[in-house]
Amino acid sequence: MNKFKHVYGPIPSRRMGRSLGISPIPQGYCNYSCIYCQLGRTRHMTNSREKYFSLEQMLTEFQAYSEGDIDFDVVTIVGEGEPLLYADIGILIQRLKKLTDKPVALITNGALLSTATVREEAKYADIVLPSLDACSQDLFETINRPHGGVSFEEMITGLRAFSHEYTGQLWIEVMLVKGVNDNRRFYHGLKELLDEINYHKLYLNTPVRPPAEPYASQPSEAAIEEAQLILGGIPINRLASEGFYSKIEDDYEAMLSIIKRHPMNQFEIRSFIQTRGNPEPERFFDRLNCDPKVEVVNYKNYHTYRLK
């Protein structure tokens, strides 16, 4: 039985190196339902902050998981939904920082930064990575499909305020989707917003894993290059990443713990189990392909696996 319910990895992050993840949110709880989400459509749309899991249980698990010679570069709070929905996120961050000397990063859609108390809690993180995929309410609704209680104006006002209050590293990520926001009009509109935000890095991402909606595809290289020219960001698809890891002993349970938060394609899974000394990869895939909990998506001529 898998005793690690909230901590997973490390997984390769092209932005931060080897990322040890911790998830304080149940699967699919979010206040966005982004068309590009690699976890699929949001199952539980909510904008209410709750103490979904025991804080002490997560910290005890983190301490047990991170003991020994496990190699990681950063602790990342992300997981299966929007982490700022966890009501004790500020305490969680502070307590994690007492358990590790590695930086603690928070990956968020940024919607709840419109609330001053949430901004105060997020400030405890060493790195905050909010997403910003739109420059207007219409585009916001098209790409991010937010909860009815979240408006674009409130979101961008909160992000702007946070950027001027926060003393850590603020890294903004923009997801570019073909035919939606991969055009010059969007780039210039976003540039106007970014000029009012105090950030340290800007990353340009594209849907490299199966998205929630089939039409959410990668822009052309020319569109990405134009975005880089106008916005000055760093295209994530040009950054290198290392392999996956799990401290869970059972190969299958280890793989499930990863794809619950970070889908893996067939080549990543094969490499993962081979590095763990599994001599029967074909039998492993037979089990995986027959598992009713696992969704297999044929995307870009290879199979990607994620939990349903």
C-alpha atoms as a PDB file:
ATOM      1  CA  MET A   1       0.000   0.000   0.000  1.00  0.00           C
ATOM      2  CA  ASN A   2       1.217   3.497  -0.848  1.00  0.00           C
ATOM      3  CA  LYS A   3       1.759   5.397   2.410  1.00  0.00           C
ATOM      4  CA  PHE A   4       2.618   8.606   0.584  1.00  0.00           C
ATOM      5  CA  LYS A   5      -0.624  10.371  -0.354  1.00  0.00           C
ATOM      6  CA  HIS A   6       0.559  13.963  -0.809  1.00  0.00           C
ATOM      7  CA  VAL A   7       4.292  13.910  -1.590  1.00  0.00           C
ATOM      8  CA  TYR A   8       5.639  12.664  -4.927  1.00  0.00           C
ATOM      9  CA  GLY A   9       8.668  12.775  -7.188  1.00  0.00           C
ATOM     10  CA  PRO A  10      11.050  14.338  -7.653  1.00  0.00           C
ATOM     11  CA  ILE A  11       9.870  14.975 -11.198  1.00  0.00           C
ATOM     12  CA  PRO A  12      11.803  16.842 -13.882  1.00  0.00           C
ATOM     13  CA  SER A  13      10.977  20.540 -14.095  1.00  0.00           C
ATOM     14  CA  ARG A  14      12.435  22.466 -16.992  1.00  0.00           C
ATOM     15  CA  ARG A  15      12.217  25.630 -14.900  1.00  0.00           C
ATOM     16  CA  MET A  16      13.494  24.439 -11.533  1.00  0.00           C
ATOM     17  CA  GLY A  17      15.425  21.176 -11.917  1.00  0.00           C
ATOM     18  CA  ARG A  18      14.362  18.197  -9.791  1.00  0.00           C
ATOM     19  CA  SER A  19      11.085  19.116  -8.135  1.00  0.00           C
ATOM     20  CA  LEU A  20       9.777  17.309  -5.039  1.00  0.00           C
ATOM     21  CA  GLY A  21       6.029  17.867  -5.161  1.00  0.00           C
ATOM     22  CA  ILE A  22       3.456  18.181  -2.403  1.00  0.00           C
ATOM     23  CA  SER A  23      -0.272  18.321  -3.120  1.00  0.00           C
ATOM     24  CA  PRO A  24      -2.660  19.858  -0.548  1.00  0.00           C
ATOM     25  CA  ILE A  25      -5.739  19.689  -2.821  1.00  0.00           C
ATOM     26  CA  PRO A  26      -7.983  16.736  -3.776  1.00  0.00           C
ATOM     27  CA  GLN A  27      -7.923  15.588  -7.375  1.00  0.00           C
ATOM     28  CA  GLY A  28      -9.593  18.011  -9.749  1.00  0.00           C
ATOM     29  CA  TYR A  29     -10.526  20.813  -7.314  1.00  0.00           C
ATOM     30  CA  CYS A  30      -9.877  24.134  -9.041  1.00  0.00           C
ATOM     31  CA  ASN A  31     -11.363  27.547  -9.772  1.00  0.00           C
ATOM     32  CA  TYR A  32     -10.308  27.327 -13.434  1.00  0.00           C
ATOM     33  CA  SER A  33     -11.056  24.716 -16.081  1.00  0.00           C
ATOM     34  CA  CYS A  34      -8.337  25.595 -18.582  1.00  0.00           C
ATOM     35  CA  ILE A  35      -8.686  24.267 -22.108  1.00  0.00           C
ATOM     36  CA  TYR A  36      -5.032  23.167 -22.046  1.00  0.00           C
ATOM     37  CA  CYS A  37      -4.930  21.465 -18.615  1.00  0.00           C
ATOM     38  CA  GLN A  38      -2.848  18.283 -18.742  1.00  0.00           C
ATOM     39  CA  LEU A  39      -5.022  16.740 -15.998  1.00  0.00           C
ATOM     40  CA  GLY A  40      -8.170  17.039 -18.097  1.00  0.00           C
ATOM     41  CA  ARG A  41     -11.310  19.038 -17.390  1.00  0.00           C
ATOM     42  CA  THR A  42     -11.854  20.283 -13.833  1.00  0.00           C
ATOM     43  CA  ARG A  43     -14.022  17.807 -11.921  1.00  0.00           C
ATOM     44  CA  HIS A  44     -14.906  20.029  -8.963  1.00  0.00           C
ATOM     45  CA  MET A  45     -15.173  23.711  -9.821  1.00  0.00           C
ATOM     46  CA  THR A  46     -14.914  25.702  -6.595  1.00  0.00           C
ATOM     47  CA  ASN A  47     -13.644  29.025  -5.334  1.00  0.00           C
ATOM     48  CA  SER A  48     -13.970  28.174  -1.634  1.00  0.00           C
ATOM     49  CA  ARG A  49     -10.864  27.722   0.485  1.00  0.00           C
ATOM     50  CA  GLU A  50     -10.954  24.715   2.815  1.00  0.00           C
ATOM     51  CA  LYS A  51      -8.636  22.584   4.955  1.00  0.00           C
ATOM     52  CA  TYR A  52      -8.956  19.628   2.629  1.00  0.00           C
ATOM     53  CA  PHE A  53      -6.279  17.533   4.350  1.00  0.00           C
ATOM     54  CA  SER A  54      -4.541  17.384   7.701  1.00  0.00           C
ATOM     55  CA  LEU A  55      -1.617  19.790   7.841  1.00  0.00           C
ATOM     56  CA  GLU A  56       0.262  17.576  10.297  1.00  0.00           C
ATOM     57  CA  GLN A  57      -0.268  14.509   8.130  1.00  0.00           C
ATOM     58  CA  MET A  58       1.230  16.238   5.093  1.00  0.00           C
ATOM     59  CA  LEU A  59       4.218  17.516   7.064  1.00  0.00           C
ATOM     60  CA  THR A  60       4.876  14.110   8.636  1.00  0.00           C
ATOM     61  CA  GLU A  61       4.704  12.532   5.202  1.00  0.00           C
ATOM     62  CA  PHE A  62       7.064  15.130   3.747  1.00  0.00           C
ATOM     63  CA  GLN A  63       9.575  14.550   6.527  1.00  0.00           C
ATOM     64  CA  ALA A  64       9.504  10.792   6.009  1.00  0.00           C
ATOM     65  CA  TYR A  65       9.701  11.054   2.225  1.00  0.00           C
ATOM     66  CA  SER A  66      12.585  13.534   2.150  1.00  0.00           C
ATOM     67  CA  GLU A  67      14.809  11.604   4.558  1.00  0.00           C
ATOM     68  CA  GLY A  68      17.909   9.851   3.280  1.00  0.00           C
ATOM     69  CA  ASP A  69      19.798  10.489   0.064  1.00  0.00           C
ATOM     70  CA  ILE A  70      16.883  11.662  -2.084  1.00  0.00           C
ATOM     71  CA  ASP A  71      18.146  14.321  -4.488  1.00  0.00           C
ATOM     72  CA  PHE A  72      15.961  17.323  -5.276  1.00  0.00           C
ATOM     73  CA  ASP A  73      16.428  21.017  -6.005  1.00  0.00           C
ATOM     74  CA  VAL A  74      13.125  22.540  -4.905  1.00  0.00           C
ATOM     75  CA  VAL A  75       9.923  21.704  -3.022  1.00  0.00           C
ATOM     76  CA  THR A  76       6.934  22.548  -5.206  1.00  0.00           C
ATOM     77  CA  ILE A  77       3.399  22.987  -3.907  1.00  0.00           C
ATOM     78  CA  VAL A  78       1.119  22.145  -6.827  1.00  0.00           C
ATOM     79  CA  GLY A  79      -0.538  18.767  -7.334  1.00  0.00           C
ATOM     80  CA  GLU A  80      -4.034  18.011  -8.572  1.00  0.00           C
ATOM     81  CA  GLY A  81      -5.759  21.387  -8.342  1.00  0.00           C
ATOM     82  CA  GLU A  82      -5.309  25.024  -7.345  1.00  0.00           C
ATOM     83  CA  PRO A  83      -3.128  25.040  -4.182  1.00  0.00           C
ATOM     84  CA  LEU A  84      -4.290  28.445  -2.945  1.00  0.00           C
ATOM     85  CA  LEU A  85      -7.671  26.804  -2.288  1.00  0.00           C
ATOM     86  CA  TYR A  86      -5.993  25.105   0.684  1.00  0.00           C
ATOM     87  CA  ALA A  87      -6.971  27.262   3.656  1.00  0.00           C
ATOM     88  CA  ASP A  88      -3.722  26.674   5.590  1.00  0.00           C
ATOM     89  CA  ILE A  89      -1.359  27.238   2.661  1.00  0.00           C
ATOM     90  CA  GLY A  90       0.610  29.938   4.504  1.00  0.00           C
ATOM     91  CA  ILE A  91       1.213  27.698   7.519  1.00  0.00           C
ATOM     92  CA  LEU A  92       2.100  24.791   5.239  1.00  0.00           C
ATOM     93  CA  ILE A  93       4.757  26.864   3.465  1.00  0.00           C
ATOM     94  CA  GLN A  94       6.254  28.147   6.719  1.00  0.00           C
ATOM     95  CA  ARG A  95       6.410  24.683   8.249  1.00  0.00           C
ATOM     96  CA  LEU A  96       7.945  23.153   5.108  1.00  0.00           C
ATOM     97  CA  LYS A  97      10.705  25.765   5.185  1.00  0.00           C
ATOM     98  CA  LYS A  98      11.606  24.584   8.677  1.00  0.00           C
ATOM     99  CA  LEU A  99      11.985  21.017   7.392  1.00  0.00           C
ATOM    100  CA  THR A 100      14.221  21.708   4.378  1.00  0.00           C
ATOM    101  CA  ASP A 101      16.926  24.108   3.273  1.00  0.00           C
ATOM    102  CA  LYS A 102      15.726  23.896  -0.325  1.00  0.00           C
ATOM    103  CA  PRO A 103      13.545  26.683  -1.757  1.00  0.00           C
ATOM    104  CA  VAL A 104       9.780  26.241  -1.563  1.00  0.00           C
ATOM    105  CA  ALA A 105       7.903  27.118  -4.755  1.00  0.00           C
ATOM    106  CA  LEU A 106       4.180  27.703  -5.200  1.00  0.00           C
ATOM    107  CA  ILE A 107       2.592  27.069  -8.605  1.00  0.00           C
ATOM    108  CA  THR A 108      -0.781  28.810  -8.864  1.00  0.00           C
ATOM    109  CA  ASN A 109      -3.248  30.164 -11.391  1.00  0.00           C
ATOM    110  CA  GLY A 110      -3.158  33.402  -9.385  1.00  0.00           C
ATOM    111  CA  ALA A 111      -6.933  33.868  -9.161  1.00  0.00           C
ATOM    112  CA  LEU A 112      -7.051  34.118  -5.356  1.00  0.00           C
ATOM    113  CA  LEU A 113      -4.240  36.678  -5.186  1.00  0.00           C
ATOM    114  CA  SER A 114      -7.066  39.189  -5.476  1.00  0.00           C
ATOM    115  CA  THR A 115      -7.599  38.635  -1.725  1.00  0.00           C
ATOM    116  CA  ALA A 116      -5.165  40.436   0.585  1.00  0.00           C
ATOM    117  CA  THR A 117      -5.023  37.614   3.148  1.00  0.00           C
ATOM    118  CA  VAL A 118      -4.139  35.095   0.426  1.00  0.00           C
ATOM    119  CA  ARG A 119      -1.386  37.382  -0.843  1.00  0.00           C
ATOM    120  CA  GLU A 120       0.062  37.482   2.675  1.00  0.00           C
ATOM    121  CA  GLU A 121       0.123  33.682   2.827  1.00  0.00           C
ATOM    122  CA  ALA A 122       1.694  33.288  -0.624  1.00  0.00           C
ATOM    123  CA  LYS A 123       4.530  35.658   0.348  1.00  0.00           C
ATOM    124  CA  TYR A 124       6.084  32.952   2.536  1.00  0.00           C
ATOM    125  CA  ALA A 125       7.103  30.984  -0.586  1.00  0.00           C
ATOM    126  CA  ASP A 126      10.587  31.526  -2.015  1.00  0.00           C
ATOM    127  CA  ILE A 127       9.277  31.319  -5.586  1.00  0.00           C
ATOM    128  CA  VAL A 128       5.726  31.974  -6.794  1.00  0.00           C
ATOM    129  CA  LEU A 129       4.749  30.939 -10.328  1.00  0.00           C
ATOM    130  CA  PRO A 130       1.349  32.336 -11.367  1.00  0.00           C
ATOM    131  CA  SER A 131      -0.146  31.811 -14.814  1.00  0.00           C
ATOM    132  CA  LEU A 132      -1.293  34.652 -17.057  1.00  0.00           C
ATOM    133  CA  ASP A 133      -2.785  33.479 -20.355  1.00  0.00           C
ATOM    134  CA  ALA A 134      -5.178  36.303 -21.219  1.00  0.00           C
ATOM    135  CA  CYS A 135      -5.326  40.090 -21.478  1.00  0.00           C
ATOM    136  CA  SER A 136      -9.108  40.556 -21.421  1.00  0.00           C
ATOM    137  CA  GLN A 137     -12.237  39.082 -19.819  1.00  0.00           C
ATOM    138  CA  ASP A 138     -13.345  37.441 -23.091  1.00  0.00           C
ATOM    139  CA  LEU A 139     -10.008  35.720 -23.631  1.00  0.00           C
ATOM    140  CA  PHE A 140      -9.861  34.787 -19.943  1.00  0.00           C
ATOM    141  CA  GLU A 141     -13.203  32.999 -20.266  1.00  0.00           C
ATOM    142  CA  THR A 142     -12.130  31.308 -23.514  1.00  0.00           C
ATOM    143  CA  ILE A 143      -8.825  29.923 -22.236  1.00  0.00           C
ATOM    144  CA  ASN A 144      -9.124  29.590 -18.466  1.00  0.00           C
ATOM    145  CA  ARG A 145     -12.903  29.135 -18.119  1.00  0.00           C
ATOM    146  CA  PRO A 146     -12.889  30.476 -14.537  1.00  0.00           C
ATOM    147  CA  HIS A 147     -15.327  29.959 -11.705  1.00  0.00           C
ATOM    148  CA  GLY A 148     -18.176  32.473 -11.843  1.00  0.00           C
ATOM    149  CA  GLY A 149     -16.771  34.229  -8.789  1.00  0.00           C
ATOM    150  CA  VAL A 150     -13.476  35.060 -10.531  1.00  0.00           C
ATOM    151  CA  SER A 151     -13.188  38.026 -12.891  1.00  0.00           C
ATOM    152  CA  PHE A 152     -10.228  38.960 -15.049  1.00  0.00           C
ATOM    153  CA  GLU A 153     -10.046  42.471 -13.595  1.00  0.00           C
ATOM    154  CA  GLU A 154      -9.894  41.197 -10.005  1.00  0.00           C
ATOM    155  CA  MET A 155      -7.318  38.554 -10.934  1.00  0.00           C
ATOM    156  CA  ILE A 156      -4.963  40.952 -12.717  1.00  0.00           C
ATOM    157  CA  THR A 157      -5.368  43.596  -9.995  1.00  0.00           C
ATOM    158  CA  GLY A 158      -4.417  41.001  -7.376  1.00  0.00           C
ATOM    159  CA  LEU A 159      -1.417  39.785  -9.365  1.00  0.00           C
ATOM    160  CA  ARG A 160      -0.227  43.352  -9.887  1.00  0.00           C
ATOM    161  CA  ALA A 161      -0.560  44.117  -6.169  1.00  0.00           C
ATOM    162  CA  PHE A 162       1.215  40.922  -5.180  1.00  0.00           C
ATOM    163  CA  SER A 163       4.104  41.647  -7.518  1.00  0.00           C
ATOM    164  CA  HIS A 164       4.803  44.943  -5.750  1.00  0.00           C
ATOM    165  CA  GLU A 165       4.431  43.516  -2.236  1.00  0.00           C
ATOM    166  CA  TYR A 166       6.353  40.268  -2.666  1.00  0.00           C
ATOM    167  CA  THR A 167      10.102  40.114  -1.988  1.00  0.00           C
ATOM    168  CA  GLY A 168      10.741  36.622  -3.362  1.00  0.00           C
ATOM    169  CA  GLN A 169      11.089  35.416  -6.943  1.00  0.00           C
ATOM    170  CA  LEU A 170       7.990  35.933  -9.110  1.00  0.00           C
ATOM    171  CA  TRP A 171       8.038  33.840 -12.281  1.00  0.00           C
ATOM    172  CA  ILE A 172       5.066  34.308 -14.621  1.00  0.00           C
ATOM    173  CA  GLU A 173       4.036  31.583 -17.044  1.00  0.00           C
ATOM    174  CA  VAL A 174       2.036  32.195 -20.220  1.00  0.00           C
ATOM    175  CA  MET A 175       0.433  29.247 -22.013  1.00  0.00           C
ATOM    176  CA  LEU A 176       0.236  29.903 -25.742  1.00  0.00           C
ATOM    177  CA  VAL A 177      -2.509  28.015 -27.601  1.00  0.00           C
ATOM    178  CA  LYS A 178      -2.723  27.825 -31.368  1.00  0.00           C
ATOM    179  CA  GLY A 179      -5.465  29.965 -32.852  1.00  0.00           C
ATOM    180  CA  VAL A 180      -6.445  31.380 -29.455  1.00  0.00           C
ATOM    181  CA  ASN A 181      -3.709  33.615 -28.025  1.00  0.00           C
ATOM    182  CA  ASP A 182      -0.759  33.059 -30.376  1.00  0.00           C
ATOM    183  CA  ASN A 183      -1.122  36.334 -32.230  1.00  0.00           C
ATOM    184  CA  ARG A 184       0.448  39.785 -32.246  1.00  0.00           C
ATOM    185  CA  ARG A 185      -2.657  41.493 -30.836  1.00  0.00           C
ATOM    186  CA  PHE A 186      -2.517  39.313 -27.729  1.00  0.00           C
ATOM    187  CA  TYR A 187       1.239  39.735 -27.319  1.00  0.00           C
ATOM    188  CA  HIS A 188       0.968  43.524 -27.309  1.00  0.00           C
ATOM    189  CA  GLY A 189      -2.046  43.456 -24.976  1.00  0.00           C
ATOM    190  CA  LEU A 190      -0.178  41.203 -22.562  1.00  0.00           C
ATOM    191  CA  LYS A 191       2.918  43.397 -22.813  1.00  0.00           C
ATOM    192  CA  GLU A 192       0.898  46.359 -21.524  1.00  0.00           C
ATOM    193  CA  LEU A 193      -0.177  44.337 -18.485  1.00  0.00           C
ATOM    194  CA  LEU A 194       3.312  42.973 -17.826  1.00  0.00           C
ATOM    195  CA  ASP A 195       4.769  46.479 -17.871  1.00  0.00           C
ATOM    196  CA  GLU A 196       2.812  47.124 -14.652  1.00  0.00           C
ATOM    197  CA  ILE A 197       3.900  43.890 -12.952  1.00  0.00           C
ATOM    198  CA  ASN A 198       7.168  43.477 -11.063  1.00  0.00           C
ATOM    199  CA  TYR A 199       8.344  39.990 -12.072  1.00  0.00           C
ATOM    200  CA  HIS A 200      11.722  38.274 -12.367  1.00  0.00           C
ATOM    201  CA  LYS A 201      11.159  35.717 -15.139  1.00  0.00           C
ATOM    202  CA  LEU A 202       8.584  35.148 -17.873  1.00  0.00           C
ATOM    203  CA  TYR A 203       8.115  31.662 -19.301  1.00  0.00           C
ATOM    204  CA  LEU A 204       6.327  30.904 -22.563  1.00  0.00           C
ATOM    205  CA  ASN A 205       4.715  27.479 -22.444  1.00  0.00           C
ATOM    206  CA  THR A 206       2.761  25.422 -24.982  1.00  0.00           C
ATOM    207  CA  PRO A 207       0.515  22.325 -24.645  1.00  0.00           C
ATOM    208  CA  VAL A 208       3.093  19.529 -24.912  1.00  0.00           C
ATOM    209  CA  ARG A 209       0.902  16.928 -23.152  1.00  0.00           C
ATOM    210  CA  PRO A 210      -2.687  15.942 -23.978  1.00  0.00           C
ATOM    211  CA  PRO A 211      -4.893  18.947 -23.106  1.00  0.00           C
ATOM    212  CA  ALA A 212      -8.392  19.006 -21.647  1.00  0.00           C
ATOM    213  CA  GLU A 213      -9.744  20.032 -25.060  1.00  0.00           C
ATOM    214  CA  PRO A 214      -8.394  18.444 -28.272  1.00  0.00           C
ATOM    215  CA  TYR A 215      -8.343  21.782 -30.083  1.00  0.00           C
ATOM    216  CA  ALA A 216      -5.862  23.274 -27.593  1.00  0.00           C
ATOM    217  CA  SER A 217      -2.732  22.625 -29.630  1.00  0.00           C
ATOM    218  CA  GLN A 218       0.789  23.987 -29.932  1.00  0.00           C
ATOM    219  CA  PRO A 219       1.423  27.194 -31.876  1.00  0.00           C
ATOM    220  CA  SER A 220       3.947  27.301 -34.693  1.00  0.00           C
ATOM    221  CA  GLU A 221       7.598  27.985 -33.989  1.00  0.00           C
ATOM    222  CA  ALA A 222       7.190  31.316 -35.795  1.00  0.00           C
ATOM    223  CA  ALA A 223       4.391  32.330 -33.394  1.00  0.00           C
ATOM    224  CA  ILE A 224       6.504  31.360 -30.379  1.00  0.00           C
ATOM    225  CA  GLU A 225       9.467  33.307 -31.715  1.00  0.00           C
ATOM    226  CA  GLU A 226       7.280  36.384 -32.240  1.00  0.00           C
ATOM    227  CA  ALA A 227       6.001  36.072 -28.676  1.00  0.00           C
ATOM    228  CA  GLN A 228       9.577  35.871 -27.432  1.00  0.00           C
ATOM    229  CA  LEU A 229      10.538  38.937 -29.479  1.00  0.00           C
ATOM    230  CA  ILE A 230       7.658  41.075 -28.149  1.00  0.00           C
ATOM    231  CA  LEU A 231       7.423  39.764 -24.592  1.00  0.00           C
ATOM    232  CA  GLY A 232      11.039  38.812 -23.956  1.00  0.00           C
ATOM    233  CA  GLY A 233      10.094  35.490 -22.347  1.00  0.00           C
ATOM    234  CA  ILE A 234      11.856  32.126 -22.195  1.00  0.00           C
ATOM    235  CA  PRO A 235      10.252  29.304 -24.268  1.00  0.00           C
ATOM    236  CA  ILE A 236       9.958  26.318 -21.903  1.00  0.00           C
ATOM    237  CA  ASN A 237      10.164  23.802 -24.756  1.00  0.00           C
ATOM    238  CA  ARG A 238      13.800  24.807 -25.259  1.00  0.00           C
ATOM    239  CA  LEU A 239      14.799  23.968 -21.691  1.00  0.00           C
ATOM    240  CA  ALA A 240      16.193  20.556 -20.735  1.00  0.00           C
ATOM    241  CA  SER A 241      14.836  18.311 -17.963  1.00  0.00           C
ATOM    242  CA  GLU A 242      16.027  15.195 -16.147  1.00  0.00           C
ATOM    243  CA  GLY A 243      14.251  11.941 -15.274  1.00  0.00           C
ATOM    244  CA  PHE A 244      11.395  11.003 -12.955  1.00  0.00           C
ATOM    245  CA  TYR A 245      11.853   9.520  -9.471  1.00  0.00           C
ATOM    246  CA  SER A 246       9.713   8.176  -6.650  1.00  0.00           C
ATOM    247  CA  LYS A 247      10.521   6.914  -3.190  1.00  0.00           C
ATOM    248  CA  ILE A 248       7.523   4.566  -3.258  1.00  0.00           C
ATOM    249  CA  GLU A 249       8.890   1.007  -3.395  1.00  0.00           C
ATOM    250  CA  ASP A 250       6.242  -0.611  -5.606  1.00  0.00           C
ATOM    251  CA  ASP A 251       6.910   0.336  -9.242  1.00  0.00           C
ATOM    252  CA  TYR A 252       3.260   0.515 -10.226  1.00  0.00           C
ATOM    253  CA  GLU A 253       2.160   2.545  -7.210  1.00  0.00           C
ATOM    254  CA  ALA A 254       5.128   4.866  -7.738  1.00  0.00           C
ATOM    255  CA  MET A 255       4.105   5.491 -11.328  1.00  0.00           C
ATOM    256  CA  LEU A 256       0.448   6.087 -10.346  1.00  0.00           C
ATOM    257  CA  SER A 257       1.506   8.636  -7.734  1.00  0.00           C
ATOM    258  CA  ILE A 258       3.260  10.624 -10.461  1.00  0.00           C
ATOM    259  CA  ILE A 259       0.656  10.484 -13.240  1.00  0.00           C
ATOM    260  CA  LYS A 260      -1.989  11.570 -10.743  1.00  0.00           C
ATOM    261  CA  ARG A 261      -0.317  15.002 -10.845  1.00  0.00           C
ATOM    262  CA  HIS A 262       1.950  14.893 -13.892  1.00  0.00           C
ATOM    263  CA  PRO A 263       0.964  12.781 -16.933  1.00  0.00           C
ATOM    264  CA  MET A 264       3.759  10.683 -18.457  1.00  0.00           C
ATOM    265  CA  ASN A 265       4.115   9.372 -21.984  1.00  0.00           C
ATOM    266  CA  GLN A 266       5.068   5.804 -22.882  1.00  0.00           C
ATOM    267  CA  PHE A 267       8.767   6.626 -23.269  1.00  0.00           C
ATOM    268  CA  GLU A 268       8.980   8.424 -19.916  1.00  0.00           C
ATOM    269  CA  ILE A 269       7.264   5.496 -18.189  1.00  0.00           C
ATOM    270  CA  ARG A 270       9.524   2.914 -19.814  1.00  0.00           C
ATOM    271  CA  SER A 271      12.623   4.883 -18.828  1.00  0.00           C
ATOM    272  CA  PHE A 272      11.257   5.356 -15.301  1.00  0.00           C
ATOM    273  CA  ILE A 273      10.653   1.662 -14.612  1.00  0.00           C
ATOM    274  CA  GLN A 274      13.891   0.594 -16.275  1.00  0.00           C
ATOM    275  CA  THR A 275      15.941   2.894 -14.043  1.00  0.00           C
ATOM    276  CA  ARG A 276      14.233   1.151 -11.106  1.00  0.00           C
ATOM    277  CA  GLY A 277      15.425  -2.243 -12.377  1.00  0.00           C
ATOM    278  CA  ASN A 278      12.059  -3.569 -13.604  1.00  0.00           C
ATOM    279  CA  PRO A 279      12.854  -6.494 -15.948  1.00  0.00           C
ATOM    280  CA  GLU A 280       9.368  -6.814 -17.489  1.00  0.00           C
ATOM    281  CA  PRO A 281       8.300  -3.491 -19.019  1.00  0.00           C
ATOM    282  CA  GLU A 282       5.791  -5.141 -21.386  1.00  0.00           C
ATOM    283  CA  ARG A 283       3.932  -6.795 -18.518  1.00  0.00           C
ATOM    284  CA  PHE A 284       3.978  -3.443 -16.738  1.00  0.00           C
ATOM    285  CA  PHE A 285       2.323  -1.773 -19.746  1.00  0.00           C
ATOM    286  CA  ASP A 286      -0.230  -4.604 -20.041  1.00  0.00           C
ATOM    287  CA  ARG A 287      -1.334  -3.871 -16.496  1.00  0.00           C
ATOM    288  CA  LEU A 288      -1.337  -0.139 -17.111  1.00  0.00           C
ATOM    289  CA  ASN A 289      -3.416  -0.390 -20.274  1.00  0.00           C
ATOM    290  CA  CYS A 290      -6.045  -2.518 -18.510  1.00  0.00           C
ATOM    291  CA  ASP A 291      -6.320  -0.356 -15.408  1.00  0.00           C
ATOM    292  CA  PRO A 292      -9.788   1.298 -15.278  1.00  0.00           C
ATOM    293  CA  LYS A 293      -8.342   4.175 -13.209  1.00  0.00           C
ATOM    294  CA  VAL A 294      -5.893   5.123 -15.960  1.00  0.00           C
ATOM    295  CA  GLU A 295      -6.720   7.123 -19.080  1.00  0.00           C
ATOM    296  CA  VAL A 296      -4.571   6.520 -22.154  1.00  0.00           C
ATOM    297  CA  VAL A 297      -4.540   9.402 -24.630  1.00  0.00           C
ATOM    298  CA  ASN A 298      -3.070   9.078 -28.111  1.00  0.00           C
ATOM    299  CA  TYR A 299      -1.428  12.459 -28.600  1.00  0.00           C
ATOM    300  CA  LYS A 300       1.143  13.402 -31.235  1.00  0.00           C
ATOM    301  CA  ASN A 301       1.531   9.751 -32.250  1.00  0.00           C
ATOM    302  CA  TYR A 302       2.458   8.445 -28.805  1.00  0.00           C
ATOM    303  CA  HIS A 303       0.522   7.391 -25.735  1.00  0.00           C
ATOM    304  CA  THR A 304       0.251   9.582 -22.649  1.00  0.00           C
ATOM    305  CA  TYR A 305      -1.045   8.190 -19.353  1.00  0.00           C
ATOM    306  CA  ARG A 306      -2.955  10.088 -16.663  1.00  0.00           C
ATOM    307  CA  LEU A 307      -5.447   9.203 -13.936  1.00  0.00           C
ATOM    308  CA  LYS A 308      -9.120   9.551 -14.778  1.00  0.00           C
END
